[in-house]
Amino acid sequence: MKELGTKNLSLEFTSDDTENAKKSSEFIQDQLESNLKGLTVKLRNVPFKVRLQDDQKQNYDISMSGWGPDYQDPSTFLDLFVSGGSQNRMDYSDSKYDKLIKDADNKYAGDASKRWDLMVKAEKVLLTDDVAIAPLYQRANAYLQKDYIKNLQKNPFGPDYTYKETYISK
């Protein structure tokens, strides 16, 4: 707010109208208003379809959305923010970030160590240098399985389980 030359600022925070999204947005609203004196955050909880339309039109001050990995690799998240990317609905653009991701995905695709280093650097640009996004959490699940359930295959991505070869042995 100091950079804007104002002591008071009001922003609208758009998120889905699910109970979880409402709770998350209320928590974030509280944290922002508590830690940034003079900031007022107005919540706008809308149906998922409306939020997607607003995201595509960039009709928001702050928007909360989610993304789950399509495959087991950091690029499933990092590729989202490449300039001009189809899922880059906020039009984030940083040439340094783009080059790091391009090199990681192409030039160093066969060098796991170098590729990893480039992705870590890109993440730093996105999260620390530009503060373009603020990840809230990474989804995880814990499962318990009885020892008499055999050949239950946990998949690394896609459907959680494959039951084709599963059987019960008692």
N, C-alpha and C. Protein backbone atom coordinates (compact mmCIF):
# COMPACT_ATOMS: atom_id res chain seq x y z
N MET A 1 0.82 -1.18 0.00
CA MET A 1 0.00 0.00 0.00
C MET A 1 0.87 1.25 0.00
N LYS A 2 2.02 1.12 0.63
CA LYS A 2 2.95 2.25 0.65
C LYS A 2 3.35 2.63 -0.78
N GLU A 3 3.60 1.61 -1.61
CA GLU A 3 3.98 1.87 -3.01
C GLU A 3 2.86 2.58 -3.76
N LEU A 4 1.61 2.29 -3.38
CA LEU A 4 0.46 2.91 -4.04
C LEU A 4 0.16 4.30 -3.48
N GLY A 5 0.82 4.65 -2.38
CA GLY A 5 0.61 5.95 -1.77
C GLY A 5 -0.72 6.06 -1.05
N THR A 6 -1.18 4.95 -0.49
CA THR A 6 -2.46 4.94 0.23
C THR A 6 -2.32 4.19 1.55
N LYS A 7 -3.18 4.54 2.48
CA LYS A 7 -3.18 3.85 3.78
C LYS A 7 -4.30 2.82 3.85
N ASN A 8 -5.22 2.91 2.90
CA ASN A 8 -6.36 2.00 2.88
C ASN A 8 -6.54 1.44 1.48
N LEU A 9 -6.89 0.17 1.43
CA LEU A 9 -7.09 -0.50 0.15
C LEU A 9 -8.15 -1.57 0.34
N SER A 10 -9.03 -1.69 -0.63
CA SER A 10 -10.07 -2.72 -0.59
C SER A 10 -9.91 -3.61 -1.81
N LEU A 11 -9.87 -4.92 -1.58
CA LEU A 11 -9.74 -5.90 -2.66
C LEU A 11 -10.85 -6.93 -2.55
N GLU A 12 -11.26 -7.45 -3.70
CA GLU A 12 -12.26 -8.52 -3.72
C GLU A 12 -11.53 -9.85 -3.94
N PHE A 13 -11.87 -10.82 -3.13
CA PHE A 13 -11.24 -12.14 -3.17
C PHE A 13 -12.27 -13.15 -3.65
N THR A 14 -12.07 -13.67 -4.86
CA THR A 14 -13.00 -14.61 -5.47
C THR A 14 -12.55 -16.04 -5.27
N SER A 15 -13.48 -16.87 -4.80
CA SER A 15 -13.20 -18.30 -4.68
C SER A 15 -14.50 -19.07 -4.90
N ASP A 16 -14.38 -20.38 -4.93
CA ASP A 16 -15.55 -21.23 -5.12
C ASP A 16 -16.49 -21.13 -3.93
N ASP A 17 -17.72 -21.60 -4.12
CA ASP A 17 -18.70 -21.53 -3.04
C ASP A 17 -18.84 -22.84 -2.25
N THR A 18 -17.84 -23.71 -2.35
CA THR A 18 -17.86 -24.93 -1.54
C THR A 18 -17.51 -24.58 -0.09
N GLU A 19 -17.87 -25.46 0.83
CA GLU A 19 -17.56 -25.21 2.24
C GLU A 19 -16.05 -25.07 2.47
N ASN A 20 -15.26 -25.96 1.86
CA ASN A 20 -13.81 -25.88 2.03
C ASN A 20 -13.24 -24.57 1.48
N ALA A 21 -13.71 -24.17 0.32
CA ALA A 21 -13.23 -22.91 -0.27
C ALA A 21 -13.63 -21.72 0.59
N LYS A 22 -14.84 -21.76 1.12
CA LYS A 22 -15.29 -20.66 1.99
C LYS A 22 -14.41 -20.57 3.24
N LYS A 23 -14.14 -21.71 3.86
CA LYS A 23 -13.30 -21.71 5.06
C LYS A 23 -11.89 -21.22 4.75
N SER A 24 -11.35 -21.69 3.64
CA SER A 24 -10.00 -21.25 3.24
C SER A 24 -9.96 -19.76 2.97
N SER A 25 -10.94 -19.26 2.23
CA SER A 25 -10.93 -17.84 1.88
C SER A 25 -11.16 -16.97 3.12
N GLU A 26 -11.97 -17.45 4.07
CA GLU A 26 -12.16 -16.69 5.32
C GLU A 26 -10.86 -16.63 6.11
N PHE A 27 -10.12 -17.74 6.14
CA PHE A 27 -8.84 -17.75 6.85
C PHE A 27 -7.86 -16.78 6.19
N ILE A 28 -7.77 -16.82 4.88
CA ILE A 28 -6.85 -15.94 4.15
C ILE A 28 -7.26 -14.48 4.34
N GLN A 29 -8.55 -14.22 4.27
CA GLN A 29 -9.05 -12.86 4.53
C GLN A 29 -8.59 -12.37 5.90
N ASP A 30 -8.76 -13.21 6.91
CA ASP A 30 -8.36 -12.84 8.27
C ASP A 30 -6.85 -12.56 8.35
N GLN A 31 -6.05 -13.42 7.73
CA GLN A 31 -4.60 -13.25 7.76
C GLN A 31 -4.17 -11.97 7.05
N LEU A 32 -4.75 -11.72 5.89
CA LEU A 32 -4.38 -10.52 5.14
C LEU A 32 -4.77 -9.25 5.90
N GLU A 33 -6.00 -9.22 6.41
CA GLU A 33 -6.45 -8.02 7.11
C GLU A 33 -5.73 -7.82 8.44
N SER A 34 -5.37 -8.92 9.10
CA SER A 34 -4.65 -8.82 10.38
C SER A 34 -3.21 -8.36 10.20
N ASN A 35 -2.60 -8.75 9.10
CA ASN A 35 -1.18 -8.47 8.90
C ASN A 35 -0.89 -7.28 8.00
N LEU A 36 -1.88 -6.83 7.29
CA LEU A 36 -1.71 -5.67 6.40
C LEU A 36 -2.72 -4.61 6.80
N LYS A 37 -2.37 -3.82 7.78
CA LYS A 37 -3.27 -2.79 8.32
C LYS A 37 -3.72 -1.85 7.20
N GLY A 38 -5.03 -1.61 7.19
CA GLY A 38 -5.61 -0.74 6.17
C GLY A 38 -6.18 -1.51 4.99
N LEU A 39 -5.91 -2.81 4.93
CA LEU A 39 -6.43 -3.63 3.84
C LEU A 39 -7.78 -4.21 4.24
N THR A 40 -8.74 -4.07 3.36
CA THR A 40 -10.05 -4.70 3.53
C THR A 40 -10.22 -5.70 2.39
N VAL A 41 -10.56 -6.93 2.75
CA VAL A 41 -10.75 -7.99 1.76
C VAL A 41 -12.22 -8.40 1.78
N LYS A 42 -12.89 -8.19 0.66
CA LYS A 42 -14.30 -8.57 0.52
C LYS A 42 -14.33 -9.94 -0.16
N LEU A 43 -15.02 -10.89 0.48
CA LEU A 43 -15.11 -12.24 -0.08
C LEU A 43 -16.22 -12.33 -1.11
N ARG A 44 -15.94 -13.06 -2.17
CA ARG A 44 -16.93 -13.33 -3.22
C ARG A 44 -16.83 -14.81 -3.54
N ASN A 45 -17.75 -15.60 -2.98
CA ASN A 45 -17.78 -17.04 -3.21
C ASN A 45 -18.82 -17.34 -4.29
N VAL A 46 -18.37 -17.94 -5.37
CA VAL A 46 -19.24 -18.17 -6.53
C VAL A 46 -19.15 -19.63 -6.96
N PRO A 47 -20.14 -20.11 -7.72
CA PRO A 47 -20.06 -21.48 -8.24
C PRO A 47 -18.80 -21.66 -9.10
N PHE A 48 -18.29 -22.88 -9.11
CA PHE A 48 -17.06 -23.22 -9.83
C PHE A 48 -17.08 -22.70 -11.27
N LYS A 49 -18.18 -22.92 -11.96
CA LYS A 49 -18.28 -22.51 -13.36
C LYS A 49 -18.12 -20.99 -13.51
N VAL A 50 -18.70 -20.24 -12.60
CA VAL A 50 -18.58 -18.78 -12.63
C VAL A 50 -17.14 -18.36 -12.36
N ARG A 51 -16.49 -19.02 -11.37
CA ARG A 51 -15.11 -18.67 -11.07
C ARG A 51 -14.20 -18.95 -12.26
N LEU A 52 -14.43 -20.07 -12.96
CA LEU A 52 -13.62 -20.37 -14.15
C LEU A 52 -13.80 -19.28 -15.21
N GLN A 53 -15.04 -18.86 -15.43
CA GLN A 53 -15.29 -17.79 -16.41
C GLN A 53 -14.59 -16.50 -15.98
N ASP A 54 -14.69 -16.18 -14.69
CA ASP A 54 -14.01 -14.98 -14.18
C ASP A 54 -12.50 -15.09 -14.32
N ASP A 55 -11.96 -16.28 -14.05
CA ASP A 55 -10.52 -16.49 -14.20
C ASP A 55 -10.09 -16.24 -15.65
N GLN A 56 -10.85 -16.78 -16.58
CA GLN A 56 -10.49 -16.63 -18.00
C GLN A 56 -10.56 -15.17 -18.44
N LYS A 57 -11.50 -14.42 -17.88
CA LYS A 57 -11.65 -13.00 -18.22
C LYS A 57 -10.78 -12.10 -17.34
N GLN A 58 -10.09 -12.71 -16.38
CA GLN A 58 -9.31 -11.98 -15.37
C GLN A 58 -10.18 -10.96 -14.64
N ASN A 59 -11.38 -11.40 -14.31
CA ASN A 59 -12.35 -10.57 -13.60
C ASN A 59 -12.23 -10.84 -12.10
N TYR A 60 -11.13 -10.40 -11.50
CA TYR A 60 -10.91 -10.60 -10.07
C TYR A 60 -9.76 -9.70 -9.62
N ASP A 61 -9.73 -9.43 -8.32
CA ASP A 61 -8.56 -8.80 -7.72
C ASP A 61 -7.61 -9.89 -7.23
N ILE A 62 -8.18 -10.82 -6.46
CA ILE A 62 -7.46 -12.00 -5.97
C ILE A 62 -8.37 -13.19 -6.26
N SER A 63 -7.80 -14.28 -6.73
CA SER A 63 -8.59 -15.47 -7.01
C SER A 63 -7.90 -16.69 -6.41
N MET A 64 -8.71 -17.59 -5.87
CA MET A 64 -8.17 -18.84 -5.33
C MET A 64 -8.66 -19.99 -6.21
N SER A 65 -7.72 -20.76 -6.69
CA SER A 65 -8.07 -21.92 -7.50
C SER A 65 -7.12 -23.06 -7.14
N GLY A 66 -7.43 -24.22 -7.64
CA GLY A 66 -6.61 -25.39 -7.32
C GLY A 66 -6.12 -26.10 -8.56
N TRP A 67 -5.12 -26.91 -8.34
CA TRP A 67 -4.58 -27.73 -9.43
C TRP A 67 -4.01 -29.00 -8.82
N GLY A 68 -4.34 -30.11 -9.41
CA GLY A 68 -3.77 -31.38 -8.98
C GLY A 68 -2.85 -31.90 -10.07
N PRO A 69 -1.82 -32.63 -9.69
CA PRO A 69 -0.85 -33.11 -10.67
C PRO A 69 -1.47 -34.12 -11.64
N ASP A 70 -1.07 -34.01 -12.89
CA ASP A 70 -1.49 -34.97 -13.91
C ASP A 70 -0.49 -36.12 -14.02
N TYR A 71 0.71 -35.89 -13.56
CA TYR A 71 1.78 -36.89 -13.62
C TYR A 71 2.81 -36.53 -12.55
N GLN A 72 3.69 -37.47 -12.23
CA GLN A 72 4.65 -37.27 -11.15
C GLN A 72 5.91 -36.54 -11.63
N ASP A 73 5.79 -35.24 -11.73
CA ASP A 73 6.92 -34.42 -12.12
C ASP A 73 6.57 -32.97 -11.80
N PRO A 74 7.53 -32.19 -11.31
CA PRO A 74 7.24 -30.78 -10.98
C PRO A 74 6.71 -29.97 -12.17
N SER A 75 7.02 -30.39 -13.37
CA SER A 75 6.55 -29.63 -14.53
C SER A 75 5.03 -29.61 -14.65
N THR A 76 4.35 -30.57 -14.01
CA THR A 76 2.89 -30.57 -14.05
C THR A 76 2.33 -29.31 -13.38
N PHE A 77 3.10 -28.71 -12.49
CA PHE A 77 2.72 -27.43 -11.88
C PHE A 77 3.44 -26.26 -12.56
N LEU A 78 4.74 -26.40 -12.77
CA LEU A 78 5.54 -25.28 -13.27
C LEU A 78 5.16 -24.86 -14.68
N ASP A 79 4.78 -25.81 -15.53
CA ASP A 79 4.40 -25.47 -16.90
C ASP A 79 3.15 -24.60 -16.97
N LEU A 80 2.36 -24.57 -15.89
CA LEU A 80 1.14 -23.77 -15.87
C LEU A 80 1.40 -22.28 -16.05
N PHE A 81 2.59 -21.84 -15.69
CA PHE A 81 2.84 -20.40 -15.61
C PHE A 81 3.79 -19.88 -16.69
N VAL A 82 4.03 -20.68 -17.72
CA VAL A 82 4.83 -20.24 -18.85
C VAL A 82 4.03 -19.20 -19.63
N SER A 83 4.68 -18.15 -20.05
CA SER A 83 4.00 -17.08 -20.81
C SER A 83 3.21 -17.67 -21.97
N GLY A 84 1.95 -17.28 -22.07
CA GLY A 84 1.10 -17.73 -23.17
C GLY A 84 0.56 -19.13 -23.02
N GLY A 85 0.85 -19.80 -21.91
CA GLY A 85 0.36 -21.16 -21.69
C GLY A 85 -1.16 -21.21 -21.59
N SER A 86 -1.75 -22.30 -22.04
CA SER A 86 -3.21 -22.40 -22.08
C SER A 86 -3.86 -22.35 -20.70
N GLN A 87 -3.16 -22.75 -19.66
CA GLN A 87 -3.71 -22.71 -18.31
C GLN A 87 -3.25 -21.48 -17.52
N ASN A 88 -2.45 -20.64 -18.14
CA ASN A 88 -1.93 -19.44 -17.48
C ASN A 88 -2.99 -18.34 -17.59
N ARG A 89 -4.07 -18.50 -16.81
CA ARG A 89 -5.20 -17.59 -16.93
C ARG A 89 -4.94 -16.20 -16.35
N MET A 90 -3.86 -16.06 -15.59
CA MET A 90 -3.57 -14.74 -15.01
C MET A 90 -2.57 -13.97 -15.86
N ASP A 91 -2.17 -14.55 -16.99
CA ASP A 91 -1.21 -13.92 -17.91
C ASP A 91 0.11 -13.58 -17.24
N TYR A 92 0.53 -14.42 -16.30
CA TYR A 92 1.85 -14.25 -15.70
C TYR A 92 2.89 -14.37 -16.81
N SER A 93 3.89 -13.52 -16.76
CA SER A 93 4.94 -13.57 -17.78
C SER A 93 6.26 -13.08 -17.19
N ASP A 94 7.26 -13.92 -17.30
CA ASP A 94 8.61 -13.57 -16.87
C ASP A 94 9.57 -14.31 -17.79
N SER A 95 10.37 -13.58 -18.54
CA SER A 95 11.25 -14.20 -19.52
C SER A 95 12.29 -15.12 -18.86
N LYS A 96 12.75 -14.76 -17.68
CA LYS A 96 13.71 -15.62 -16.96
C LYS A 96 13.05 -16.95 -16.60
N TYR A 97 11.83 -16.88 -16.08
CA TYR A 97 11.08 -18.09 -15.74
C TYR A 97 10.88 -18.96 -16.99
N ASP A 98 10.43 -18.33 -18.06
CA ASP A 98 10.18 -19.07 -19.31
C ASP A 98 11.43 -19.80 -19.79
N LYS A 99 12.57 -19.12 -19.74
CA LYS A 99 13.82 -19.75 -20.21
C LYS A 99 14.20 -20.93 -19.32
N LEU A 100 14.07 -20.77 -18.01
CA LEU A 100 14.40 -21.87 -17.09
C LEU A 100 13.53 -23.09 -17.37
N ILE A 101 12.24 -22.87 -17.56
CA ILE A 101 11.32 -23.99 -17.83
C ILE A 101 11.60 -24.60 -19.20
N LYS A 102 11.82 -23.76 -20.20
CA LYS A 102 12.12 -24.27 -21.55
C LYS A 102 13.38 -25.13 -21.52
N ASP A 103 14.42 -24.64 -20.86
CA ASP A 103 15.67 -25.41 -20.79
C ASP A 103 15.47 -26.71 -20.01
N ALA A 104 14.71 -26.66 -18.92
CA ALA A 104 14.46 -27.87 -18.13
C ALA A 104 13.69 -28.90 -18.94
N ASP A 105 12.71 -28.45 -19.72
CA ASP A 105 11.86 -29.36 -20.49
C ASP A 105 12.49 -29.83 -21.80
N ASN A 106 13.49 -29.12 -22.28
CA ASN A 106 14.07 -29.45 -23.59
C ASN A 106 15.58 -29.72 -23.52
N LYS A 107 16.34 -28.67 -23.37
CA LYS A 107 17.80 -28.76 -23.42
C LYS A 107 18.37 -29.75 -22.40
N TYR A 108 17.80 -29.76 -21.19
CA TYR A 108 18.33 -30.63 -20.13
C TYR A 108 17.35 -31.73 -19.73
N ALA A 109 16.46 -32.09 -20.63
CA ALA A 109 15.47 -33.14 -20.32
C ALA A 109 16.14 -34.46 -19.95
N GLY A 110 17.31 -34.74 -20.49
CA GLY A 110 18.01 -35.99 -20.21
C GLY A 110 18.99 -35.93 -19.05
N ASP A 111 19.13 -34.78 -18.44
CA ASP A 111 20.06 -34.60 -17.32
C ASP A 111 19.23 -34.27 -16.07
N ALA A 112 18.87 -35.30 -15.32
CA ALA A 112 17.95 -35.14 -14.19
C ALA A 112 18.43 -34.11 -13.17
N SER A 113 19.70 -34.11 -12.86
CA SER A 113 20.24 -33.19 -11.86
C SER A 113 20.15 -31.73 -12.33
N LYS A 114 20.58 -31.46 -13.54
CA LYS A 114 20.54 -30.10 -14.10
C LYS A 114 19.09 -29.65 -14.27
N ARG A 115 18.25 -30.57 -14.74
CA ARG A 115 16.84 -30.26 -14.93
C ARG A 115 16.20 -29.86 -13.60
N TRP A 116 16.50 -30.63 -12.56
CA TRP A 116 15.96 -30.34 -11.23
C TRP A 116 16.41 -28.95 -10.76
N ASP A 117 17.69 -28.65 -10.92
CA ASP A 117 18.22 -27.35 -10.51
C ASP A 117 17.49 -26.20 -11.23
N LEU A 118 17.23 -26.38 -12.52
CA LEU A 118 16.53 -25.35 -13.28
C LEU A 118 15.10 -25.17 -12.78
N MET A 119 14.43 -26.27 -12.45
CA MET A 119 13.06 -26.18 -11.95
C MET A 119 13.02 -25.51 -10.58
N VAL A 120 14.00 -25.79 -9.73
CA VAL A 120 14.08 -25.13 -8.42
C VAL A 120 14.27 -23.62 -8.62
N LYS A 121 15.13 -23.24 -9.55
CA LYS A 121 15.35 -21.81 -9.83
C LYS A 121 14.08 -21.16 -10.38
N ALA A 122 13.38 -21.87 -11.26
CA ALA A 122 12.13 -21.34 -11.81
C ALA A 122 11.09 -21.15 -10.71
N GLU A 123 11.01 -22.12 -9.82
CA GLU A 123 10.06 -22.01 -8.70
C GLU A 123 10.38 -20.79 -7.83
N LYS A 124 11.66 -20.53 -7.63
CA LYS A 124 12.08 -19.36 -6.85
C LYS A 124 11.64 -18.07 -7.55
N VAL A 125 11.78 -18.01 -8.85
CA VAL A 125 11.34 -16.83 -9.59
C VAL A 125 9.83 -16.64 -9.39
N LEU A 126 9.07 -17.71 -9.55
CA LEU A 126 7.61 -17.66 -9.46
C LEU A 126 7.14 -17.29 -8.05
N LEU A 127 7.71 -17.95 -7.04
CA LEU A 127 7.20 -17.81 -5.67
C LEU A 127 7.86 -16.70 -4.86
N THR A 128 9.15 -16.48 -5.05
CA THR A 128 9.89 -15.55 -4.20
C THR A 128 10.18 -14.22 -4.89
N ASP A 129 10.72 -14.29 -6.10
CA ASP A 129 11.08 -13.05 -6.79
C ASP A 129 9.83 -12.28 -7.25
N ASP A 130 8.92 -12.97 -7.94
CA ASP A 130 7.74 -12.32 -8.49
C ASP A 130 6.52 -12.41 -7.56
N VAL A 131 6.53 -13.34 -6.65
CA VAL A 131 5.39 -13.62 -5.77
C VAL A 131 4.10 -13.65 -6.59
N ALA A 132 4.14 -14.41 -7.68
CA ALA A 132 3.00 -14.48 -8.60
C ALA A 132 1.86 -15.33 -8.06
N ILE A 133 2.20 -16.34 -7.28
CA ILE A 133 1.19 -17.22 -6.68
C ILE A 133 1.59 -17.49 -5.23
N ALA A 134 0.62 -17.99 -4.47
CA ALA A 134 0.88 -18.35 -3.07
C ALA A 134 0.26 -19.72 -2.81
N PRO A 135 1.01 -20.79 -3.03
CA PRO A 135 0.46 -22.13 -2.78
C PRO A 135 0.03 -22.28 -1.32
N LEU A 136 -1.11 -22.92 -1.12
CA LEU A 136 -1.64 -23.09 0.23
C LEU A 136 -1.34 -24.46 0.80
N TYR A 137 -1.48 -25.49 -0.02
CA TYR A 137 -1.23 -26.84 0.47
C TYR A 137 -1.05 -27.79 -0.70
N GLN A 138 -0.52 -28.95 -0.40
CA GLN A 138 -0.37 -30.03 -1.37
C GLN A 138 -1.25 -31.18 -0.87
N ARG A 139 -2.14 -31.62 -1.69
CA ARG A 139 -3.05 -32.69 -1.31
C ARG A 139 -2.29 -33.99 -1.12
N ALA A 140 -2.67 -34.73 -0.10
CA ALA A 140 -2.07 -36.03 0.16
C ALA A 140 -3.12 -36.93 0.79
N ASN A 141 -2.92 -38.21 0.67
CA ASN A 141 -3.83 -39.19 1.26
C ASN A 141 -3.04 -40.24 2.00
N ALA A 142 -3.62 -40.74 3.06
CA ALA A 142 -3.03 -41.86 3.80
C ALA A 142 -4.00 -43.03 3.70
N TYR A 143 -3.48 -44.20 3.46
CA TYR A 143 -4.32 -45.38 3.29
C TYR A 143 -3.85 -46.49 4.22
N LEU A 144 -4.81 -47.21 4.76
CA LEU A 144 -4.53 -48.41 5.53
C LEU A 144 -5.06 -49.59 4.74
N GLN A 145 -4.33 -50.69 4.77
CA GLN A 145 -4.75 -51.87 4.01
C GLN A 145 -4.55 -53.10 4.86
N LYS A 146 -5.57 -53.91 4.95
CA LYS A 146 -5.47 -55.18 5.68
C LYS A 146 -4.48 -56.09 4.96
N ASP A 147 -3.76 -56.91 5.73
CA ASP A 147 -2.73 -57.75 5.13
C ASP A 147 -3.29 -58.88 4.27
N TYR A 148 -4.59 -59.15 4.37
CA TYR A 148 -5.18 -60.20 3.54
C TYR A 148 -5.68 -59.67 2.18
N ILE A 149 -5.55 -58.39 1.94
CA ILE A 149 -5.84 -57.83 0.61
C ILE A 149 -4.56 -57.92 -0.20
N LYS A 150 -4.61 -58.65 -1.28
CA LYS A 150 -3.40 -58.92 -2.07
C LYS A 150 -3.48 -58.27 -3.46
N ASN A 151 -2.31 -57.86 -3.94
CA ASN A 151 -2.14 -57.31 -5.30
C ASN A 151 -2.96 -56.05 -5.59
N LEU A 152 -3.26 -55.30 -4.57
CA LEU A 152 -3.91 -54.01 -4.78
C LEU A 152 -2.83 -53.04 -5.26
N GLN A 153 -3.01 -52.52 -6.45
CA GLN A 153 -1.98 -51.66 -7.05
C GLN A 153 -2.33 -50.19 -6.86
N LYS A 154 -1.45 -49.48 -6.17
CA LYS A 154 -1.60 -48.03 -6.00
C LYS A 154 -0.91 -47.37 -7.18
N ASN A 155 -1.64 -46.56 -7.90
CA ASN A 155 -1.10 -45.90 -9.09
C ASN A 155 -0.42 -44.58 -8.74
N PRO A 156 0.68 -44.25 -9.40
CA PRO A 156 1.37 -42.99 -9.13
C PRO A 156 0.57 -41.76 -9.60
N PHE A 157 -0.31 -41.93 -10.57
CA PHE A 157 -1.20 -40.86 -11.03
C PHE A 157 -2.38 -41.50 -11.72
N GLY A 158 -3.39 -40.71 -12.04
CA GLY A 158 -4.62 -41.26 -12.62
C GLY A 158 -5.48 -41.82 -11.50
N PRO A 159 -6.22 -42.90 -11.77
CA PRO A 159 -7.06 -43.49 -10.72
C PRO A 159 -6.18 -43.93 -9.55
N ASP A 160 -6.69 -43.79 -8.34
CA ASP A 160 -5.89 -44.14 -7.16
C ASP A 160 -5.44 -45.60 -7.18
N TYR A 161 -6.34 -46.49 -7.56
CA TYR A 161 -6.03 -47.92 -7.49
C TYR A 161 -6.39 -48.64 -8.78
N THR A 162 -5.72 -49.78 -8.99
CA THR A 162 -6.10 -50.73 -10.02
C THR A 162 -6.51 -52.01 -9.29
N TYR A 163 -7.73 -52.44 -9.51
CA TYR A 163 -8.27 -53.60 -8.80
C TYR A 163 -8.24 -54.87 -9.64
N LYS A 164 -7.77 -54.79 -10.86
CA LYS A 164 -7.84 -55.90 -11.80
C LYS A 164 -7.25 -57.20 -11.23
N GLU A 165 -6.12 -57.14 -10.56
CA GLU A 165 -5.45 -58.33 -10.03
C GLU A 165 -5.65 -58.49 -8.51
N THR A 166 -6.51 -57.68 -7.92
CA THR A 166 -6.70 -57.69 -6.46
C THR A 166 -7.55 -58.88 -6.04
N TYR A 167 -7.16 -59.49 -4.90
CA TYR A 167 -7.97 -60.57 -4.34
C TYR A 167 -7.82 -60.59 -2.82
N ILE A 168 -8.73 -61.31 -2.18
CA ILE A 168 -8.72 -61.45 -0.72
C ILE A 168 -8.22 -62.84 -0.38
N SER A 169 -7.25 -62.90 0.51
CA SER A 169 -6.66 -64.18 0.93
C SER A 169 -6.82 -64.31 2.43
N LYS A 170 -7.77 -65.16 2.85
CA LYS A 170 -7.99 -65.38 4.29
C LYS A 170 -7.78 -66.82 4.65
